[in-house]
Each structure stands twice: as C-alpha cells, then as structure tokens.
Amino acid sequence: MADDESRQATFGADGELSERDPDADGANDFGKPKGADETDGGYNRYAVSSLLQKAVRRSDEEVAAWAAWELARSGFAWNLWDRLHLYVVEDLRAGQEVALLVERYEELATERWEPGEWRGRICAVHAALACARAASSRESPNADEFFRNAAEARAEARDSGEEPQVDFPVGEFEPGGEYDVAFDKHTGEGSRLGRGAEFFKTHGARVGPEGEGDLSARWQRLNMALHEVDFSGAQVAHAVDPVDPDARWDEPEFDAEEGAEHPDGSGSGDDGRE
C-alpha cells in the first residue's frame, strides 16, 4: 500500500530550490554569514518550515507565530506563503475560512508591502495564528491515502478474481443499488431509465438532513405546482422533506395516482401546494 509519509511536503536535498530574498541580510543574528538554507536565528529553514506545519497541526499558536516570523524575516517569505497555502488544505478541517484569510494576508505582505519588513512580518504572524486557531484535521490527506489504497486493493482483487478486502464507499455503484438516486436525467443511465423531471424533482434535488429553509421549501412547492408534470401531493411533500440522517439514500417509490408508498402502507393527504 502507498505510504502517506512519502506524499507529504518534503524539504532539503529533494530538488526544492534554495532561494532567499536578495534584499535579505546576509548575516545571521550572531554576525556570521548565513548558509544557503539558514535563517537569521541560525536555524535550517526546512526544519523551521516543518515546525510551522506541525505547530499548525497541533494548534500551538506561539510556535506557529514564531516559525512564520522567522521565515519571513530571514528572506524566505516565499517559502512561508507557499507552505501556509498547503497547510490550510492538508492540516485543517474542510470549510475553514482561514484559507481565504491566508491569501489576503499574503497579498498584503507581498503586493502592498515588502514581505520581510515589519508589516510583511506581522502579516506572516497573523496568517500563522489564524491557521493554528482553526480546527485541525488530517481528513483530506487521510481520505486521499485511503482512496488510493482502496483503488489498489480493488484492482488487485479483480485481477485475482476475489472480493476486495476494502472497497470504495459506493461499492459497485449502479442503478438499483444503494445510490440509485444518483442515476437521474443528468446521467446516461438515468435517461435510459426514463427518469426525467419527475424523478429529479421528487428524489434527486432533496437536501439534508437539515432540510430546506422555509422560503426555499415554499419556492420548491410552488415550482412543482406550476410544473408541466402533475406531481402528487405526496411527491411534493417528499421533495422538501429532510433526508433521514440514518438512511440518507433511502427513497420510497411513488404511484402517480396513490401517492407515496410509506412503510405503514399509507399515503400522504397533504398536497403541499401553496
């Protein structure tokens, strides 16, 4: 199986360029000439970059702020901003607005001001603090590694004529299966099954489990009432009904004359129209 460690950001003698801001001071804090990858404090910039990532991942605000400041003041702001953009997708929970903040801080530090001067440095600190304060998660690289490993196991099992030890979440993914609702009019299979607007409106456009807001649900009911398809009241009600969090892909079958087919055999008497 593939090893996630080999896919993480690596630094040093792996071909990544050693490039310092030409305007940066050539001496370290102790008055000694700096090496190609040495920071002002006498540290290796690859190690500081790695520390920054681990500090973001572990939500250590002070260490993250220092590491960002050290890279920015040492002429490695380009390295800092490149890495912070990676960290927001590799080490933070999806949906964190900090991704946009990092981009704005970089714009201020590198386009409006100079990245190594005091305003550029405080932008670096701000960005690092914002990342360290956001919700940490390795969900995206963990997902990537699992899906790659599952793809490999799946292919090996097929070659040997066996069932895979681990498979994709959707399994075989075909009409009639658990995710049948995906095969609507927007897919070739759904079109061949005759699944047009009626199927899509009733089943394919549902949201959840939070459900539609009142205004959105009202618009959907009105749209279905005005549609050329004669939707039953049960279909309209189902279209705006929240998805069951314990059975997100379950969908009842409908009879155009009798309405929804409920577990207890009853239909819905509410036509759901405005």
Protein backbone atom coordinates (compact mmCIF):
# COMPACT_ATOMS: atom_id res chain seq x y z
CA MET A 1 0.00 0.00 0.00
CA ALA A 2 1.09 3.57 -0.60
CA ASP A 3 2.74 5.35 2.31
CA ASP A 4 1.26 8.74 3.15
CA GLU A 5 4.59 9.94 4.56
CA SER A 6 6.12 9.83 1.08
CA ARG A 7 3.45 12.24 -0.16
CA GLN A 8 3.84 14.92 2.48
CA ALA A 9 5.68 18.15 1.80
CA THR A 10 9.39 17.44 2.00
CA PHE A 11 12.31 19.80 2.21
CA GLY A 12 16.03 19.72 1.59
CA ALA A 13 18.00 17.74 -0.93
CA ASP A 14 14.99 16.58 -2.92
CA GLY A 15 15.24 19.20 -5.65
CA GLU A 16 13.42 22.10 -3.99
CA LEU A 17 15.25 25.32 -4.75
CA SER A 18 17.15 27.17 -2.05
CA GLU A 19 16.20 30.76 -2.78
CA ARG A 20 16.47 33.73 -0.47
CA ASP A 21 15.10 37.22 -0.91
CA PRO A 22 18.02 39.10 -2.48
CA ASP A 23 17.34 42.06 -0.21
CA ALA A 24 17.62 39.95 2.96
CA ASP A 25 20.56 40.47 5.31
CA GLY A 26 23.42 38.08 4.53
CA ALA A 27 24.46 37.70 8.16
CA ASN A 28 22.70 35.86 10.96
CA ASP A 29 21.87 37.24 14.40
CA PHE A 30 25.40 36.43 15.55
CA GLY A 31 27.10 38.36 12.75
CA LYS A 32 28.15 35.24 10.88
CA PRO A 33 27.49 34.74 7.14
CA LYS A 34 24.34 32.72 6.58
CA GLY A 35 24.31 29.46 4.69
CA ALA A 36 22.04 28.93 1.69
CA ASP A 37 19.23 27.49 3.85
CA GLU A 38 19.98 29.22 7.14
CA THR A 39 17.58 31.59 8.88
CA ASP A 40 18.59 34.72 10.74
CA GLY A 41 18.37 32.82 14.00
CA GLY A 42 20.82 30.21 12.76
CA TYR A 43 18.22 27.52 12.07
CA ASN A 44 17.73 25.41 8.97
CA ARG A 45 14.77 26.83 7.08
CA TYR A 46 13.49 23.37 6.10
CA ALA A 47 13.28 22.45 9.77
CA VAL A 48 11.52 25.72 10.58
CA SER A 49 9.03 25.10 7.76
CA SER A 50 8.37 21.62 9.10
CA LEU A 51 7.94 23.01 12.63
CA LEU A 52 5.43 25.55 11.33
CA GLN A 53 3.33 22.78 9.82
CA LYS A 54 3.41 20.70 12.98
CA ALA A 55 2.53 23.77 15.07
CA VAL A 56 -0.49 24.47 12.85
CA ARG A 57 -1.50 20.82 13.06
CA ARG A 58 -1.19 20.78 16.86
CA SER A 59 -2.76 24.23 17.30
CA ASP A 60 0.33 25.67 19.01
CA GLU A 61 -0.19 29.36 18.33
CA GLU A 62 3.08 30.69 19.79
CA VAL A 63 5.34 28.27 17.95
CA ALA A 64 3.43 28.79 14.69
CA ALA A 65 3.74 32.57 15.02
CA TRP A 66 7.48 32.36 15.71
CA ALA A 67 8.18 29.97 12.83
CA ALA A 68 6.31 32.21 10.38
CA TRP A 69 8.09 35.31 11.66
CA GLU A 70 11.49 33.60 11.45
CA LEU A 71 10.97 32.58 7.83
CA ALA A 72 9.61 36.00 6.82
CA ARG A 73 12.43 37.99 8.43
CA SER A 74 15.09 35.65 7.02
CA GLY A 75 14.23 36.17 3.35
CA PHE A 76 12.17 33.01 3.00
CA ALA A 77 8.71 34.60 2.85
CA TRP A 78 8.08 32.88 -0.50
CA ASN A 79 8.62 29.54 1.26
CA LEU A 80 6.36 30.56 4.14
CA TRP A 81 3.40 31.58 1.98
CA ASP A 82 3.73 28.56 -0.28
CA ARG A 83 3.65 26.26 2.75
CA LEU A 84 0.77 28.03 4.50
CA HIS A 85 -1.39 27.56 1.41
CA LEU A 86 -0.61 23.85 1.54
CA TYR A 87 -1.31 23.59 5.26
CA VAL A 88 -4.84 25.02 5.01
CA VAL A 89 -5.84 22.08 2.80
CA GLU A 90 -3.60 19.42 4.33
CA ASP A 91 -3.95 20.08 8.05
CA LEU A 92 -7.22 21.94 8.64
CA ARG A 93 -10.82 20.79 8.63
CA ALA A 94 -12.59 21.44 5.34
CA GLY A 95 -14.65 24.61 5.22
CA GLN A 96 -12.34 26.75 7.32
CA GLU A 97 -12.48 30.35 6.09
CA VAL A 98 -8.85 30.79 7.07
CA ALA A 99 -7.90 29.66 3.55
CA LEU A 100 -9.21 32.99 2.24
CA LEU A 101 -7.53 34.91 5.05
CA VAL A 102 -4.12 33.42 4.25
CA GLU A 103 -4.47 34.51 0.64
CA ARG A 104 -5.39 38.06 1.74
CA TYR A 105 -2.52 38.27 4.22
CA GLU A 106 -0.10 37.13 1.53
CA GLU A 107 -1.45 39.74 -0.87
CA LEU A 108 -0.89 42.47 1.72
CA ALA A 109 2.57 41.23 2.65
CA THR A 110 3.90 40.76 -0.87
CA GLU A 111 1.99 43.21 -3.08
CA ARG A 112 1.19 46.17 -0.88
CA TRP A 113 4.20 45.92 1.41
CA GLU A 114 7.55 44.13 1.47
CA PRO A 115 7.40 40.56 2.81
CA GLY A 116 10.47 40.89 5.06
CA GLU A 117 9.78 44.31 6.57
CA TRP A 118 7.71 44.77 9.70
CA ARG A 119 4.31 44.95 8.01
CA GLY A 120 5.08 41.87 5.95
CA ARG A 121 6.23 40.06 9.09
CA ILE A 122 3.08 40.82 11.03
CA CYS A 123 1.03 39.56 8.08
CA ALA A 124 3.01 36.32 8.35
CA VAL A 125 2.30 36.13 12.09
CA HIS A 126 -1.40 36.86 11.52
CA ALA A 127 -1.65 34.10 8.92
CA ALA A 128 0.14 31.56 11.11
CA LEU A 129 -2.04 32.41 14.11
CA ALA A 130 -5.20 32.12 12.02
CA CYS A 131 -4.13 28.67 10.82
CA ALA A 132 -3.17 27.49 14.32
CA ARG A 133 -6.52 28.68 15.72
CA ALA A 134 -8.59 26.94 13.04
CA ALA A 135 -9.94 23.42 13.54
CA SER A 136 -7.14 20.97 12.78
CA SER A 137 -7.74 17.79 10.85
CA ARG A 138 -5.86 15.44 8.56
CA GLU A 139 -9.12 14.43 6.88
CA SER A 140 -8.16 15.37 3.33
CA PRO A 141 -4.77 13.58 3.18
CA ASN A 142 -6.23 10.66 5.14
CA ALA A 143 -9.04 10.43 2.58
CA ASP A 144 -6.61 10.68 -0.31
CA GLU A 145 -4.44 7.90 1.08
CA PHE A 146 -7.41 5.64 1.84
CA PHE A 147 -8.98 6.12 -1.60
CA ARG A 148 -5.63 5.38 -3.28
CA ASN A 149 -5.12 2.27 -1.19
CA ALA A 150 -8.69 1.14 -1.85
CA ALA A 151 -8.20 1.62 -5.59
CA GLU A 152 -5.07 -0.52 -5.48
CA ALA A 153 -6.73 -3.25 -3.38
CA ARG A 154 -9.79 -3.20 -5.64
CA ALA A 155 -7.70 -3.64 -8.79
CA GLU A 156 -5.62 -6.44 -7.25
CA ALA A 157 -8.77 -8.27 -6.13
CA ARG A 158 -10.30 -8.04 -9.58
CA ASP A 159 -7.14 -9.44 -11.17
CA SER A 160 -7.24 -12.41 -8.79
CA GLY A 161 -10.99 -12.93 -9.08
CA GLU A 162 -11.59 -12.21 -5.38
CA GLU A 163 -13.65 -9.74 -3.42
CA PRO A 164 -11.58 -6.72 -2.34
CA GLN A 165 -10.66 -6.54 1.33
CA VAL A 166 -11.58 -2.85 1.20
CA ASP A 167 -13.65 -1.05 -1.42
CA PHE A 168 -14.77 2.44 -2.33
CA PRO A 169 -17.67 3.76 -0.18
CA VAL A 170 -20.08 3.38 -3.10
CA GLY A 171 -19.17 -0.22 -3.94
CA GLU A 172 -20.17 -1.18 -7.47
CA PHE A 173 -22.31 1.98 -7.86
CA GLU A 174 -25.00 1.03 -10.35
CA PRO A 175 -28.75 1.59 -10.88
CA GLY A 176 -30.84 -0.27 -8.35
CA GLY A 177 -28.14 -0.11 -5.70
CA GLU A 178 -27.89 1.97 -2.57
CA TYR A 179 -27.08 5.14 -4.53
CA ASP A 180 -29.74 4.61 -7.18
CA VAL A 181 -30.98 8.21 -6.83
CA ALA A 182 -27.76 9.47 -8.49
CA PHE A 183 -28.90 7.97 -11.79
CA ASP A 184 -31.31 10.74 -12.77
CA LYS A 185 -31.88 12.63 -16.01
CA HIS A 186 -28.38 14.12 -15.79
CA THR A 187 -26.76 10.72 -16.39
CA GLY A 188 -26.90 8.37 -19.35
CA GLU A 189 -28.23 5.51 -17.25
CA GLY A 190 -30.96 7.70 -15.77
CA SER A 191 -32.03 8.96 -19.19
CA ARG A 192 -32.26 5.40 -20.47
CA LEU A 193 -34.43 4.56 -17.46
CA GLY A 194 -36.80 7.41 -18.38
CA ARG A 195 -36.02 9.38 -15.25
CA GLY A 196 -36.92 12.93 -16.20
CA ALA A 197 -38.06 15.98 -14.27
CA GLU A 198 -40.50 13.98 -12.12
CA PHE A 199 -37.76 11.75 -10.74
CA PHE A 200 -35.28 14.58 -10.29
CA LYS A 201 -37.66 16.95 -8.53
CA THR A 202 -39.06 14.25 -6.26
CA HIS A 203 -35.83 12.43 -5.40
CA GLY A 204 -32.68 13.97 -6.89
CA ALA A 205 -32.98 17.53 -5.58
CA ARG A 206 -33.57 16.68 -1.92
CA VAL A 207 -31.20 18.08 0.72
CA GLY A 208 -30.48 17.14 4.26
CA PRO A 209 -30.58 16.17 6.93
CA GLU A 210 -31.13 19.82 7.85
CA GLY A 211 -33.74 20.15 5.11
CA GLU A 212 -34.73 23.19 3.09
CA GLY A 213 -35.32 26.54 4.74
CA ASP A 214 -38.92 27.72 4.84
CA LEU A 215 -38.53 30.10 1.90
CA SER A 216 -36.67 27.62 -0.28
CA ALA A 217 -39.22 24.89 0.51
CA ARG A 218 -42.06 27.26 -0.42
CA TRP A 219 -40.40 28.06 -3.76
CA GLN A 220 -39.89 24.37 -4.48
CA ARG A 221 -43.54 23.57 -3.73
CA LEU A 222 -44.67 26.42 -5.99
CA ASN A 223 -42.30 25.33 -8.76
CA MET A 224 -43.70 21.81 -8.62
CA ALA A 225 -47.27 23.11 -8.60
CA LEU A 226 -46.54 25.15 -11.74
CA HIS A 227 -44.57 22.40 -13.48
CA GLU A 228 -45.91 20.61 -16.55
CA VAL A 229 -45.57 17.36 -14.60
CA ASP A 230 -48.63 16.68 -12.45
CA PHE A 231 -46.90 15.96 -9.15
CA SER A 232 -48.91 14.26 -6.44
CA GLY A 233 -49.18 15.88 -3.04
CA ALA A 234 -47.02 13.12 -1.58
CA GLN A 235 -44.30 13.77 -4.13
CA VAL A 236 -44.27 17.48 -3.36
CA ALA A 237 -44.10 16.82 0.37
CA HIS A 238 -41.28 14.31 -0.10
CA ALA A 239 -39.28 16.68 -2.31
CA VAL A 240 -38.86 19.15 0.55
CA ASP A 241 -38.71 16.58 3.33
CA PRO A 242 -35.29 16.41 5.06
CA VAL A 243 -33.08 13.44 4.25
CA ASP A 244 -33.04 10.89 7.05
CA PRO A 245 -29.57 11.14 8.70
CA ASP A 246 -29.70 7.40 9.42
CA ALA A 247 -30.74 6.47 5.89
CA ARG A 248 -29.55 9.28 3.63
CA TRP A 249 -30.01 7.35 0.38
CA ASP A 250 -33.35 5.64 1.05
CA GLU A 251 -36.08 6.76 -1.35
CA PRO A 252 -39.68 5.48 -1.50
CA GLU A 253 -41.37 4.50 -4.72
CA PHE A 254 -44.31 6.61 -5.82
CA ASP A 255 -47.54 5.83 -7.59
CA ALA A 256 -48.81 8.78 -9.59
CA GLU A 257 -52.41 8.05 -8.56
CA GLU A 258 -51.99 6.90 -4.96
CA GLY A 259 -49.06 9.00 -3.72
CA ALA A 260 -46.15 7.84 -1.59
CA GLU A 261 -45.53 4.29 -0.56
CA HIS A 262 -44.92 4.56 3.20
CA PRO A 263 -43.59 1.82 5.48
CA ASP A 264 -47.07 1.52 7.06
CA GLY A 265 -48.76 1.39 3.65
CA SER A 266 -50.44 4.78 3.99
CA GLY A 267 -50.26 7.70 1.60
CA SER A 268 -49.93 11.43 2.27
CA GLY A 269 -53.08 13.54 2.16
CA ASP A 270 -51.21 16.88 2.22
CA ASP A 271 -50.74 18.15 -1.32
CA GLY A 272 -48.04 20.58 -0.14
CA ARG A 273 -49.07 23.27 -2.62
CA GLU A 274 -49.39 26.97 -1.99
